[in-house]
Amino acid sequence: MKEDKETYKAYSNLKILKPKAEQLLAMKILASRLESAKDFVDAYILCKDLKITTKDKLMNIISNYIPLTILGERQINFIKYLGEDLGYDWK
């Protein structure tokens, strides 16, 4: 998995890093945990912030960080429902 970090805070003896929004979105899609709606809500907000309107654009972002071949049925359904909630047909 590719990592793409940026500095969140820097102090004289400590640097706090965070993943870029695109990487965080890919991680949320990969996790797509069923027991909590948090991944879904986070992915929804990230798609809005990143202005993702097509499934192709989302898949391109995901493929920058993880191989698409490891996406299973759970992740594919997650993406489909994410598109529906965003108002798009991502079948």
PDB file of N, CA and C in Angstrom:
ATOM      1  N   MET A   1       0.846  -1.176   0.000  1.00  0.00           N
ATOM      2  CA  MET A   1       0.000   0.000   0.000  1.00  0.00           C
ATOM      3  C   MET A   1       0.890   1.237   0.000  1.00  0.00           C
ATOM      4  N   LYS A   2       0.626   2.120  -0.925  1.00  0.00           N
ATOM      5  CA  LYS A   2       1.374   3.372  -1.018  1.00  0.00           C
ATOM      6  C   LYS A   2       0.939   4.298   0.121  1.00  0.00           C
ATOM      7  N   GLU A   3       1.877   5.034   0.652  1.00  0.00           N
ATOM      8  CA  GLU A   3       1.557   6.005   1.696  1.00  0.00           C
ATOM      9  C   GLU A   3       1.845   7.404   1.184  1.00  0.00           C
ATOM     10  N   ASP A   4       0.946   8.311   1.492  1.00  0.00           N
ATOM     11  CA  ASP A   4       1.066   9.687   1.041  1.00  0.00           C
ATOM     12  C   ASP A   4       0.722  10.582   2.227  1.00  0.00           C
ATOM     13  N   LYS A   5       1.739  11.016   2.958  1.00  0.00           N
ATOM     14  CA  LYS A   5       1.508  11.754   4.207  1.00  0.00           C
ATOM     15  C   LYS A   5       1.847  13.229   4.047  1.00  0.00           C
ATOM     16  N   GLU A   6       1.216  14.015   4.888  1.00  0.00           N
ATOM     17  CA  GLU A   6       1.541  15.436   4.960  1.00  0.00           C
ATOM     18  C   GLU A   6       1.670  15.821   6.428  1.00  0.00           C
ATOM     19  N   THR A   7       2.380  16.888   6.681  1.00  0.00           N
ATOM     20  CA  THR A   7       2.592  17.335   8.053  1.00  0.00           C
ATOM     21  C   THR A   7       1.326  17.984   8.587  1.00  0.00           C
ATOM     22  N   TYR A   8       0.895  17.517   9.743  1.00  0.00           N
ATOM     23  CA  TYR A   8      -0.265  18.084  10.409  1.00  0.00           C
ATOM     24  C   TYR A   8       0.180  19.178  11.380  1.00  0.00           C
ATOM     25  N   LYS A   9       1.157  18.867  12.209  1.00  0.00           N
ATOM     26  CA  LYS A   9       1.741  19.826  13.159  1.00  0.00           C
ATOM     27  C   LYS A   9       3.222  19.523  13.279  1.00  0.00           C
ATOM     28  N   ALA A  10       3.994  20.561  13.474  1.00  0.00           N
ATOM     29  CA  ALA A  10       5.436  20.374  13.666  1.00  0.00           C
ATOM     30  C   ALA A  10       5.882  21.171  14.883  1.00  0.00           C
ATOM     31  N   TYR A  11       6.621  20.498  15.722  1.00  0.00           N
ATOM     32  CA  TYR A  11       7.200  21.114  16.907  1.00  0.00           C
ATOM     33  C   TYR A  11       8.710  20.923  16.835  1.00  0.00           C
ATOM     34  N   SER A  12       9.435  21.500  17.749  1.00  0.00           N
ATOM     35  CA  SER A  12      10.894  21.404  17.692  1.00  0.00           C
ATOM     36  C   SER A  12      11.392  19.959  17.762  1.00  0.00           C
ATOM     37  N   ASN A  13      10.686  19.113  18.486  1.00  0.00           N
ATOM     38  CA  ASN A  13      11.140  17.729  18.649  1.00  0.00           C
ATOM     39  C   ASN A  13      10.123  16.689  18.174  1.00  0.00           C
ATOM     40  N   LEU A  14       9.076  17.133  17.492  1.00  0.00           N
ATOM     41  CA  LEU A  14       8.020  16.212  17.085  1.00  0.00           C
ATOM     42  C   LEU A  14       7.336  16.713  15.820  1.00  0.00           C
ATOM     43  N   LYS A  15       7.118  15.796  14.900  1.00  0.00           N
ATOM     44  CA  LYS A  15       6.353  16.109  13.693  1.00  0.00           C
ATOM     45  C   LYS A  15       5.186  15.123  13.626  1.00  0.00           C
ATOM     46  N   ILE A  16       3.966  15.647  13.546  1.00  0.00           N
ATOM     47  CA  ILE A  16       2.777  14.807  13.464  1.00  0.00           C
ATOM     48  C   ILE A  16       2.339  14.760  12.004  1.00  0.00           C
ATOM     49  N   LEU A  17       2.256  13.542  11.469  1.00  0.00           N
ATOM     50  CA  LEU A  17       1.876  13.350  10.075  1.00  0.00           C
ATOM     51  C   LEU A  17       0.450  12.826   9.986  1.00  0.00           C
ATOM     52  N   LYS A  18      -0.196  13.098   8.868  1.00  0.00           N
ATOM     53  CA  LYS A  18      -1.530  12.550   8.611  1.00  0.00           C
ATOM     54  C   LYS A  18      -1.596  12.139   7.148  1.00  0.00           C
ATOM     55  N   PRO A  19      -2.446  11.155   6.836  1.00  0.00           N
ATOM     56  CA  PRO A  19      -2.577  10.771   5.433  1.00  0.00           C
ATOM     57  C   PRO A  19      -3.317  11.861   4.660  1.00  0.00           C
ATOM     58  N   LYS A  20      -2.988  11.986   3.390  1.00  0.00           N
ATOM     59  CA  LYS A  20      -3.727  12.923   2.542  1.00  0.00           C
ATOM     60  C   LYS A  20      -5.155  12.409   2.392  1.00  0.00           C
ATOM     61  N   ALA A  21      -6.062  13.296   2.051  1.00  0.00           N
ATOM     62  CA  ALA A  21      -7.482  12.941   1.961  1.00  0.00           C
ATOM     63  C   ALA A  21      -7.723  11.787   0.994  1.00  0.00           C
ATOM     64  N   GLU A  22      -7.010  11.768  -0.118  1.00  0.00           N
ATOM     65  CA  GLU A  22      -7.183  10.701  -1.102  1.00  0.00           C
ATOM     66  C   GLU A  22      -6.805   9.342  -0.512  1.00  0.00           C
ATOM     67  N   GLN A  23      -5.697   9.298   0.231  1.00  0.00           N
ATOM     68  CA  GLN A  23      -5.279   8.036   0.847  1.00  0.00           C
ATOM     69  C   GLN A  23      -6.272   7.615   1.921  1.00  0.00           C
ATOM     70  N   LEU A  24      -6.745   8.558   2.700  1.00  0.00           N
ATOM     71  CA  LEU A  24      -7.717   8.247   3.743  1.00  0.00           C
ATOM     72  C   LEU A  24      -8.992   7.670   3.124  1.00  0.00           C
ATOM     73  N   LEU A  25      -9.425   8.230   2.002  1.00  0.00           N
ATOM     74  CA  LEU A  25     -10.607   7.713   1.314  1.00  0.00           C
ATOM     75  C   LEU A  25     -10.376   6.273   0.859  1.00  0.00           C
ATOM     76  N   ALA A  26      -9.222   6.009   0.276  1.00  0.00           N
ATOM     77  CA  ALA A  26      -8.903   4.640  -0.159  1.00  0.00           C
ATOM     78  C   ALA A  26      -8.905   3.686   1.035  1.00  0.00           C
ATOM     79  N   MET A  27      -8.383   4.126   2.169  1.00  0.00           N
ATOM     80  CA  MET A  27      -8.355   3.290   3.372  1.00  0.00           C
ATOM     81  C   MET A  27      -9.773   3.026   3.887  1.00  0.00           C
ATOM     82  N   LYS A  28     -10.635   4.036   3.836  1.00  0.00           N
ATOM     83  CA  LYS A  28     -12.027   3.876   4.278  1.00  0.00           C
ATOM     84  C   LYS A  28     -12.767   2.889   3.377  1.00  0.00           C
ATOM     85  N   ILE A  29     -12.536   2.985   2.065  1.00  0.00           N
ATOM     86  CA  ILE A  29     -13.167   2.058   1.123  1.00  0.00           C
ATOM     87  C   ILE A  29     -12.673   0.635   1.391  1.00  0.00           C
ATOM     88  N   LEU A  30     -11.379   0.479   1.582  1.00  0.00           N
ATOM     89  CA  LEU A  30     -10.820  -0.847   1.827  1.00  0.00           C
ATOM     90  C   LEU A  30     -11.383  -1.445   3.119  1.00  0.00           C
ATOM     91  N   ALA A  31     -11.483  -0.647   4.166  1.00  0.00           N
ATOM     92  CA  ALA A  31     -12.003  -1.140   5.451  1.00  0.00           C
ATOM     93  C   ALA A  31     -13.497  -1.433   5.348  1.00  0.00           C
ATOM     94  N   SER A  32     -14.248  -0.495   4.829  1.00  0.00           N
ATOM     95  CA  SER A  32     -15.718  -0.588   4.683  1.00  0.00           C
ATOM     96  C   SER A  32     -16.356  -1.481   5.752  1.00  0.00           C
ATOM     97  N   ARG A  33     -16.096  -1.123   6.992  1.00  0.00           N
ATOM     98  CA  ARG A  33     -16.610  -1.906   8.122  1.00  0.00           C
ATOM     99  C   ARG A  33     -18.132  -1.816   8.190  1.00  0.00           C
ATOM    100  N   LEU A  34     -18.754  -2.940   8.406  1.00  0.00           N
ATOM    101  CA  LEU A  34     -20.213  -3.011   8.427  1.00  0.00           C
ATOM    102  C   LEU A  34     -20.804  -2.635   9.781  1.00  0.00           C
ATOM    103  N   GLU A  35     -20.059  -2.883  10.848  1.00  0.00           N
ATOM    104  CA  GLU A  35     -20.607  -2.682  12.187  1.00  0.00           C
ATOM    105  C   GLU A  35     -20.779  -1.215  12.563  1.00  0.00           C
ATOM    106  N   SER A  36     -20.199  -0.355  11.807  1.00  0.00           N
ATOM    107  CA  SER A  36     -20.295   1.070  12.117  1.00  0.00           C
ATOM    108  C   SER A  36     -20.500   1.849  10.831  1.00  0.00           C
ATOM    109  N   ALA A  37     -21.331   2.846  10.882  1.00  0.00           N
ATOM    110  CA  ALA A  37     -21.559   3.680   9.700  1.00  0.00           C
ATOM    111  C   ALA A  37     -20.458   4.726   9.544  1.00  0.00           C
ATOM    112  N   LYS A  38     -19.503   4.747  10.468  1.00  0.00           N
ATOM    113  CA  LYS A  38     -18.469   5.786  10.448  1.00  0.00           C
ATOM    114  C   LYS A  38     -17.654   5.776   9.159  1.00  0.00           C
ATOM    115  N   ASP A  39     -17.246   4.596   8.670  1.00  0.00           N
ATOM    116  CA  ASP A  39     -16.492   4.547   7.415  1.00  0.00           C
ATOM    117  C   ASP A  39     -17.311   5.145   6.277  1.00  0.00           C
ATOM    118  N   PHE A  40     -18.611   4.824   6.266  1.00  0.00           N
ATOM    119  CA  PHE A  40     -19.477   5.318   5.200  1.00  0.00           C
ATOM    120  C   PHE A  40     -19.618   6.836   5.269  1.00  0.00           C
ATOM    121  N   VAL A  41     -19.869   7.346   6.454  1.00  0.00           N
ATOM    122  CA  VAL A  41     -20.010   8.801   6.630  1.00  0.00           C
ATOM    123  C   VAL A  41     -18.703   9.507   6.272  1.00  0.00           C
ATOM    124  N   ASP A  42     -17.588   8.967   6.732  1.00  0.00           N
ATOM    125  CA  ASP A  42     -16.284   9.560   6.409  1.00  0.00           C
ATOM    126  C   ASP A  42     -16.034   9.551   4.905  1.00  0.00           C
ATOM    127  N   ALA A  43     -16.328   8.421   4.240  1.00  0.00           N
ATOM    128  CA  ALA A  43     -16.120   8.317   2.792  1.00  0.00           C
ATOM    129  C   ALA A  43     -17.023   9.296   2.050  1.00  0.00           C
ATOM    130  N   TYR A  44     -18.248   9.444   2.517  1.00  0.00           N
ATOM    131  CA  TYR A  44     -19.193  10.389   1.915  1.00  0.00           C
ATOM    132  C   TYR A  44     -18.637  11.819   1.992  1.00  0.00           C
ATOM    133  N   ILE A  45     -18.187  12.202   3.169  1.00  0.00           N
ATOM    134  CA  ILE A  45     -17.638  13.554   3.364  1.00  0.00           C
ATOM    135  C   ILE A  45     -16.382  13.754   2.522  1.00  0.00           C
ATOM    136  N   LEU A  46     -15.509  12.759   2.479  1.00  0.00           N
ATOM    137  CA  LEU A  46     -14.283  12.868   1.679  1.00  0.00           C
ATOM    138  C   LEU A  46     -14.609  12.999   0.194  1.00  0.00           C
ATOM    139  N   CYS A  47     -15.594  12.248  -0.291  1.00  0.00           N
ATOM    140  CA  CYS A  47     -15.993  12.364  -1.705  1.00  0.00           C
ATOM    141  C   CYS A  47     -16.516  13.765  -2.004  1.00  0.00           C
ATOM    142  N   LYS A  48     -17.296  14.305  -1.096  1.00  0.00           N
ATOM    143  CA  LYS A  48     -17.804  15.676  -1.274  1.00  0.00           C
ATOM    144  C   LYS A  48     -16.648  16.675  -1.292  1.00  0.00           C
ATOM    145  N   ASP A  49     -15.747  16.566  -0.322  1.00  0.00           N
ATOM    146  CA  ASP A  49     -14.617  17.496  -0.227  1.00  0.00           C
ATOM    147  C   ASP A  49     -13.692  17.407  -1.431  1.00  0.00           C
ATOM    148  N   LEU A  50     -13.501  16.186  -1.945  1.00  0.00           N
ATOM    149  CA  LEU A  50     -12.605  15.978  -3.087  1.00  0.00           C
ATOM    150  C   LEU A  50     -13.320  16.154  -4.429  1.00  0.00           C
ATOM    151  N   LYS A  51     -14.615  16.480  -4.365  1.00  0.00           N
ATOM    152  CA  LYS A  51     -15.428  16.710  -5.569  1.00  0.00           C
ATOM    153  C   LYS A  51     -15.425  15.501  -6.509  1.00  0.00           C
ATOM    154  N   ILE A  52     -15.619  14.334  -5.924  1.00  0.00           N
ATOM    155  CA  ILE A  52     -15.677  13.098  -6.704  1.00  0.00           C
ATOM    156  C   ILE A  52     -17.120  12.894  -7.152  1.00  0.00           C
ATOM    157  N   THR A  53     -17.326  12.904  -8.458  1.00  0.00           N
ATOM    158  CA  THR A  53     -18.674  12.771  -9.006  1.00  0.00           C
ATOM    159  C   THR A  53     -18.847  11.525  -9.860  1.00  0.00           C
ATOM    160  N   THR A  54     -17.755  10.838 -10.164  1.00  0.00           N
ATOM    161  CA  THR A  54     -17.861   9.632 -10.991  1.00  0.00           C
ATOM    162  C   THR A  54     -17.173   8.457 -10.303  1.00  0.00           C
ATOM    163  N   LYS A  55     -17.663   7.279 -10.618  1.00  0.00           N
ATOM    164  CA  LYS A  55     -17.048   6.064 -10.082  1.00  0.00           C
ATOM    165  C   LYS A  55     -15.628   5.927 -10.620  1.00  0.00           C
ATOM    166  N   ASP A  56     -15.413   6.312 -11.890  1.00  0.00           N
ATOM    167  CA  ASP A  56     -14.068   6.223 -12.478  1.00  0.00           C
ATOM    168  C   ASP A  56     -13.062   7.059 -11.692  1.00  0.00           C
ATOM    169  N   LYS A  57     -13.465   8.263 -11.323  1.00  0.00           N
ATOM    170  CA  LYS A  57     -12.559   9.124 -10.554  1.00  0.00           C
ATOM    171  C   LYS A  57     -12.244   8.493  -9.194  1.00  0.00           C
ATOM    172  N   LEU A  58     -13.262   7.934  -8.556  1.00  0.00           N
ATOM    173  CA  LEU A  58     -13.055   7.270  -7.266  1.00  0.00           C
ATOM    174  C   LEU A  58     -12.121   6.077  -7.424  1.00  0.00           C
ATOM    175  N   MET A  59     -12.358   5.263  -8.444  1.00  0.00           N
ATOM    176  CA  MET A  59     -11.532   4.073  -8.654  1.00  0.00           C
ATOM    177  C   MET A  59     -10.088   4.458  -8.975  1.00  0.00           C
ATOM    178  N   ASN A  60      -9.883   5.548  -9.696  1.00  0.00           N
ATOM    179  CA  ASN A  60      -8.521   6.024  -9.977  1.00  0.00           C
ATOM    180  C   ASN A  60      -7.808   6.422  -8.690  1.00  0.00           C
ATOM    181  N   ILE A  61      -8.516   7.095  -7.807  1.00  0.00           N
ATOM    182  CA  ILE A  61      -7.921   7.483  -6.523  1.00  0.00           C
ATOM    183  C   ILE A  61      -7.573   6.235  -5.711  1.00  0.00           C
ATOM    184  N   ILE A  62      -8.509   5.299  -5.643  1.00  0.00           N
ATOM    185  CA  ILE A  62      -8.256   4.066  -4.887  1.00  0.00           C
ATOM    186  C   ILE A  62      -7.048   3.340  -5.457  1.00  0.00           C
ATOM    187  N   SER A  63      -6.984   3.231  -6.793  1.00  0.00           N
ATOM    188  CA  SER A  63      -5.898   2.469  -7.430  1.00  0.00           C
ATOM    189  C   SER A  63      -4.529   3.108  -7.222  1.00  0.00           C
ATOM    190  N   ASN A  64      -4.488   4.387  -6.878  1.00  0.00           N
ATOM    191  CA  ASN A  64      -3.209   5.033  -6.561  1.00  0.00           C
ATOM    192  C   ASN A  64      -2.621   4.510  -5.252  1.00  0.00           C
ATOM    193  N   TYR A  65      -3.460   3.932  -4.409  1.00  0.00           N
ATOM    194  CA  TYR A  65      -3.015   3.508  -3.081  1.00  0.00           C
ATOM    195  C   TYR A  65      -3.094   2.006  -2.839  1.00  0.00           C
ATOM    196  N   ILE A  66      -4.069   1.355  -3.444  1.00  0.00           N
ATOM    197  CA  ILE A  66      -4.207  -0.092  -3.259  1.00  0.00           C
ATOM    198  C   ILE A  66      -4.549  -0.744  -4.599  1.00  0.00           C
ATOM    199  N   PRO A  67      -4.130  -2.000  -4.797  1.00  0.00           N
ATOM    200  CA  PRO A  67      -4.492  -2.681  -6.045  1.00  0.00           C
ATOM    201  C   PRO A  67      -6.000  -2.963  -6.075  1.00  0.00           C
ATOM    202  N   LEU A  68      -6.640  -2.651  -7.180  1.00  0.00           N
ATOM    203  CA  LEU A  68      -8.080  -2.863  -7.289  1.00  0.00           C
ATOM    204  C   LEU A  68      -8.447  -4.343  -7.202  1.00  0.00           C
ATOM    205  N   THR A  69      -7.489  -5.204  -7.473  1.00  0.00           N
ATOM    206  CA  THR A  69      -7.761  -6.646  -7.438  1.00  0.00           C
ATOM    207  C   THR A  69      -8.080  -7.153  -6.033  1.00  0.00           C
ATOM    208  N   ILE A  70      -7.735  -6.391  -5.006  1.00  0.00           N
ATOM    209  CA  ILE A  70      -8.041  -6.860  -3.648  1.00  0.00           C
ATOM    210  C   ILE A  70      -9.402  -6.370  -3.149  1.00  0.00           C
ATOM    211  N   LEU A  71     -10.095  -5.577  -3.964  1.00  0.00           N
ATOM    212  CA  LEU A  71     -11.436  -5.149  -3.576  1.00  0.00           C
ATOM    213  C   LEU A  71     -12.385  -6.332  -3.716  1.00  0.00           C
ATOM    214  N   GLY A  72     -13.133  -6.590  -2.669  1.00  0.00           N
ATOM    215  CA  GLY A  72     -14.083  -7.698  -2.675  1.00  0.00           C
ATOM    216  C   GLY A  72     -15.509  -7.205  -2.823  1.00  0.00           C
ATOM    217  N   GLU A  73     -16.426  -8.116  -2.639  1.00  0.00           N
ATOM    218  CA  GLU A  73     -17.848  -7.793  -2.775  1.00  0.00           C
ATOM    219  C   GLU A  73     -18.271  -6.707  -1.786  1.00  0.00           C
ATOM    220  N   ARG A  74     -17.739  -6.779  -0.565  1.00  0.00           N
ATOM    221  CA  ARG A  74     -18.090  -5.782   0.457  1.00  0.00           C
ATOM    222  C   ARG A  74     -17.706  -4.378   0.005  1.00  0.00           C
ATOM    223  N   GLN A  75     -16.489  -4.217  -0.529  1.00  0.00           N
ATOM    224  CA  GLN A  75     -16.028  -2.907  -0.978  1.00  0.00           C
ATOM    225  C   GLN A  75     -16.814  -2.432  -2.209  1.00  0.00           C
ATOM    226  N   ILE A  76     -17.114  -3.347  -3.130  1.00  0.00           N
ATOM    227  CA  ILE A  76     -17.867  -2.985  -4.336  1.00  0.00           C
ATOM    228  C   ILE A  76     -19.263  -2.501  -3.958  1.00  0.00           C
ATOM    229  N   ASN A  77     -19.917  -3.192  -3.037  1.00  0.00           N
ATOM    230  CA  ASN A  77     -21.237  -2.754  -2.569  1.00  0.00           C
ATOM    231  C   ASN A  77     -21.149  -1.423  -1.835  1.00  0.00           C
ATOM    232  N   PHE A  78     -20.113  -1.256  -1.038  1.00  0.00           N
ATOM    233  CA  PHE A  78     -19.882   0.003  -0.320  1.00  0.00           C
ATOM    234  C   PHE A  78     -19.810   1.159  -1.320  1.00  0.00           C
ATOM    235  N   ILE A  79     -19.055   0.972  -2.401  1.00  0.00           N
ATOM    236  CA  ILE A  79     -18.898   2.004  -3.434  1.00  0.00           C
ATOM    237  C   ILE A  79     -20.237   2.281  -4.112  1.00  0.00           C
ATOM    238  N   LYS A  80     -20.983   1.226  -4.407  1.00  0.00           N
ATOM    239  CA  LYS A  80     -22.293   1.390  -5.051  1.00  0.00           C
ATOM    240  C   LYS A  80     -23.228   2.224  -4.178  1.00  0.00           C
ATOM    241  N   TYR A  81     -23.315   1.869  -2.890  1.00  0.00           N
ATOM    242  CA  TYR A  81     -24.197   2.604  -1.981  1.00  0.00           C
ATOM    243  C   TYR A  81     -23.688   4.021  -1.718  1.00  0.00           C
ATOM    244  N   LEU A  82     -22.388   4.187  -1.719  1.00  0.00           N
ATOM    245  CA  LEU A  82     -21.809   5.521  -1.565  1.00  0.00           C
ATOM    246  C   LEU A  82     -22.247   6.407  -2.724  1.00  0.00           C
ATOM    247  N   GLY A  83     -22.153   5.884  -3.937  1.00  0.00           N
ATOM    248  CA  GLY A  83     -22.599   6.628  -5.115  1.00  0.00           C
ATOM    249  C   GLY A  83     -24.069   6.988  -5.034  1.00  0.00           C
ATOM    250  N   GLU A  84     -24.891   6.032  -4.597  1.00  0.00           N
ATOM    251  CA  GLU A  84     -26.327   6.297  -4.467  1.00  0.00           C
ATOM    252  C   GLU A  84     -26.585   7.429  -3.485  1.00  0.00           C
ATOM    253  N   ASP A  85     -25.926   7.398  -2.336  1.00  0.00           N
ATOM    254  CA  ASP A  85     -26.119   8.452  -1.336  1.00  0.00           C
ATOM    255  C   ASP A  85     -25.634   9.810  -1.831  1.00  0.00           C
ATOM    256  N   LEU A  86     -24.622   9.796  -2.692  1.00  0.00           N
ATOM    257  CA  LEU A  86     -24.122  11.047  -3.267  1.00  0.00           C
ATOM    258  C   LEU A  86     -25.008  11.530  -4.416  1.00  0.00           C
ATOM    259  N   GLY A  87     -25.940  10.684  -4.853  1.00  0.00           N
ATOM    260  CA  GLY A  87     -26.858  11.053  -5.928  1.00  0.00           C
ATOM    261  C   GLY A  87     -26.399  10.612  -7.306  1.00  0.00           C
ATOM    262  N   TYR A  88     -25.515   9.610  -7.365  1.00  0.00           N
ATOM    263  CA  TYR A  88     -24.991   9.123  -8.639  1.00  0.00           C
ATOM    264  C   TYR A  88     -25.303   7.640  -8.787  1.00  0.00           C
ATOM    265  N   ASP A  89     -25.278   7.163 -10.027  1.00  0.00           N
ATOM    266  CA  ASP A  89     -25.513   5.750 -10.314  1.00  0.00           C
ATOM    267  C   ASP A  89     -24.171   5.085 -10.573  1.00  0.00           C
ATOM    268  N   TRP A  90     -23.568   4.539  -9.527  1.00  0.00           N
ATOM    269  CA  TRP A  90     -22.232   3.935  -9.619  1.00  0.00           C
ATOM    270  C   TRP A  90     -22.314   2.422  -9.598  1.00  0.00           C
ATOM    271  N   LYS A  91     -23.111   1.817 -10.449  1.00  0.00           N
ATOM    272  CA  LYS A  91     -23.263   0.351 -10.461  1.00  0.00           C
ATOM    273  C   LYS A  91     -22.103  -0.338 -11.075  1.00  0.00           C
TER     274      LYS A  91
END
